[in-house]
Amino acid sequence: MAVLFIGLSSGIGYVLWLWALKHAAPTRVTVFLSLSPITAALLGVALLGEPFTVGVLLGLAGVVAGLWLATRTVPALK
């Protein structure tokens, strides 16, 4: 069951990644691969009962801040 779940979820993720590459710039799409730790942490809390500590929260905040920095639009200088 674990192998089936991992294979299925990886396949779905790959198809979604290819779809995103078709509709957006590759650099913008690739930045969002860093969402994997957020997904893993939240699934670990929800499905495995792992503790949601301050360290996990700080790490997730760091990933979100990095995504914001990488995808924000900087106004052009005049």
C-alpha atoms as a PDB file:
ATOM      1  CA  MET A   1       0.000   0.000   0.000  1.00  0.00           C
ATOM      2  CA  ALA A   2       2.838   2.402   0.823  1.00  0.00           C
ATOM      3  CA  VAL A   3       4.520   1.799  -2.536  1.00  0.00           C
ATOM      4  CA  LEU A   4       1.205   2.325  -4.333  1.00  0.00           C
ATOM      5  CA  PHE A   5       0.544   5.546  -2.407  1.00  0.00           C
ATOM      6  CA  ILE A   6       4.027   6.924  -3.046  1.00  0.00           C
ATOM      7  CA  GLY A   7       3.907   5.991  -6.731  1.00  0.00           C
ATOM      8  CA  LEU A   8       0.450   7.462  -7.230  1.00  0.00           C
ATOM      9  CA  SER A   9       1.189  10.699  -5.384  1.00  0.00           C
ATOM     10  CA  SER A  10       4.511  11.103  -7.213  1.00  0.00           C
ATOM     11  CA  GLY A  11       2.798  10.535 -10.550  1.00  0.00           C
ATOM     12  CA  ILE A  12       0.101  13.099  -9.782  1.00  0.00           C
ATOM     13  CA  GLY A  13       2.724  15.594  -8.637  1.00  0.00           C
ATOM     14  CA  TYR A  14       4.736  15.083 -11.815  1.00  0.00           C
ATOM     15  CA  VAL A  15       1.686  15.595 -14.056  1.00  0.00           C
ATOM     16  CA  LEU A  16       0.782  18.781 -12.152  1.00  0.00           C
ATOM     17  CA  TRP A  17       4.370  20.004 -12.463  1.00  0.00           C
ATOM     18  CA  LEU A  18       4.321  19.446 -16.240  1.00  0.00           C
ATOM     19  CA  TRP A  19       0.967  21.223 -16.492  1.00  0.00           C
ATOM     20  CA  ALA A  20       2.382  24.183 -14.557  1.00  0.00           C
ATOM     21  CA  LEU A  21       5.435  24.298 -16.848  1.00  0.00           C
ATOM     22  CA  LYS A  22       3.086  24.576 -19.819  1.00  0.00           C
ATOM     23  CA  HIS A  23       1.268  27.558 -18.280  1.00  0.00           C
ATOM     24  CA  ALA A  24       4.042  29.526 -16.535  1.00  0.00           C
ATOM     25  CA  ALA A  25       7.732  30.336 -16.760  1.00  0.00           C
ATOM     26  CA  PRO A  26      10.019  27.446 -15.715  1.00  0.00           C
ATOM     27  CA  THR A  27      11.846  29.562 -13.135  1.00  0.00           C
ATOM     28  CA  ARG A  28       8.575  30.518 -11.461  1.00  0.00           C
ATOM     29  CA  VAL A  29       7.301  26.928 -11.447  1.00  0.00           C
ATOM     30  CA  THR A  30      10.519  25.464 -10.064  1.00  0.00           C
ATOM     31  CA  VAL A  31      10.519  27.852  -7.113  1.00  0.00           C
ATOM     32  CA  PHE A  32       7.359  26.160  -5.864  1.00  0.00           C
ATOM     33  CA  LEU A  33       9.143  22.819  -5.489  1.00  0.00           C
ATOM     34  CA  SER A  34      10.142  24.201  -2.101  1.00  0.00           C
ATOM     35  CA  LEU A  35       6.551  23.603  -0.975  1.00  0.00           C
ATOM     36  CA  SER A  36       7.472  19.950  -0.391  1.00  0.00           C
ATOM     37  CA  PRO A  37       8.686  20.535   3.191  1.00  0.00           C
ATOM     38  CA  ILE A  38       5.473  22.378   4.038  1.00  0.00           C
ATOM     39  CA  THR A  39       3.372  19.554   2.660  1.00  0.00           C
ATOM     40  CA  ALA A  40       5.453  16.929   4.457  1.00  0.00           C
ATOM     41  CA  ALA A  41       5.282  18.773   7.777  1.00  0.00           C
ATOM     42  CA  LEU A  42       1.531  19.301   7.598  1.00  0.00           C
ATOM     43  CA  LEU A  43       0.867  15.702   6.542  1.00  0.00           C
ATOM     44  CA  GLY A  44       3.146  14.486   9.337  1.00  0.00           C
ATOM     45  CA  VAL A  45       1.128  16.449  11.880  1.00  0.00           C
ATOM     46  CA  ALA A  46      -2.233  15.411  10.427  1.00  0.00           C
ATOM     47  CA  LEU A  47      -1.575  11.748   9.617  1.00  0.00           C
ATOM     48  CA  LEU A  48       1.251  10.671  11.906  1.00  0.00           C
ATOM     49  CA  GLY A  49       0.568  12.755  14.983  1.00  0.00           C
ATOM     50  CA  GLU A  50       3.975  14.430  14.848  1.00  0.00           C
ATOM     51  CA  PRO A  51       4.358  17.469  17.095  1.00  0.00           C
ATOM     52  CA  PHE A  52       3.941  20.905  15.567  1.00  0.00           C
ATOM     53  CA  THR A  53       6.780  22.678  17.351  1.00  0.00           C
ATOM     54  CA  VAL A  54       8.051  26.235  17.221  1.00  0.00           C
ATOM     55  CA  GLY A  55      10.984  25.005  15.128  1.00  0.00           C
ATOM     56  CA  VAL A  56       8.638  23.522  12.536  1.00  0.00           C
ATOM     57  CA  LEU A  57       6.641  26.741  12.486  1.00  0.00           C
ATOM     58  CA  LEU A  58       9.798  28.829  12.002  1.00  0.00           C
ATOM     59  CA  GLY A  59      10.970  26.544   9.204  1.00  0.00           C
ATOM     60  CA  LEU A  60       7.617  26.782   7.446  1.00  0.00           C
ATOM     61  CA  ALA A  61       7.664  30.565   7.831  1.00  0.00           C
ATOM     62  CA  GLY A  62      11.136  30.610   6.256  1.00  0.00           C
ATOM     63  CA  VAL A  63       9.931  28.646   3.242  1.00  0.00           C
ATOM     64  CA  VAL A  64       6.913  30.930   2.810  1.00  0.00           C
ATOM     65  CA  ALA A  65       9.123  34.034   3.121  1.00  0.00           C
ATOM     66  CA  GLY A  66      11.496  32.620   0.504  1.00  0.00           C
ATOM     67  CA  LEU A  67       8.627  31.937  -1.879  1.00  0.00           C
ATOM     68  CA  TRP A  68       7.344  35.464  -1.387  1.00  0.00           C
ATOM     69  CA  LEU A  69      10.781  36.943  -2.063  1.00  0.00           C
ATOM     70  CA  ALA A  70      11.269  34.797  -5.154  1.00  0.00           C
ATOM     71  CA  THR A  71       7.886  35.526  -6.725  1.00  0.00           C
ATOM     72  CA  ARG A  72       7.180  39.131  -5.758  1.00  0.00           C
ATOM     73  CA  THR A  73       6.985  41.768  -8.427  1.00  0.00           C
ATOM     74  CA  VAL A  74       9.508  44.538  -7.996  1.00  0.00           C
ATOM     75  CA  PRO A  75       8.417  47.902  -9.401  1.00  0.00           C
ATOM     76  CA  ALA A  76      10.571  49.173 -12.248  1.00  0.00           C
ATOM     77  CA  LEU A  77      12.823  52.125 -11.557  1.00  0.00           C
ATOM     78  CA  LYS A  78      12.084  55.284 -13.543  1.00  0.00           C
END
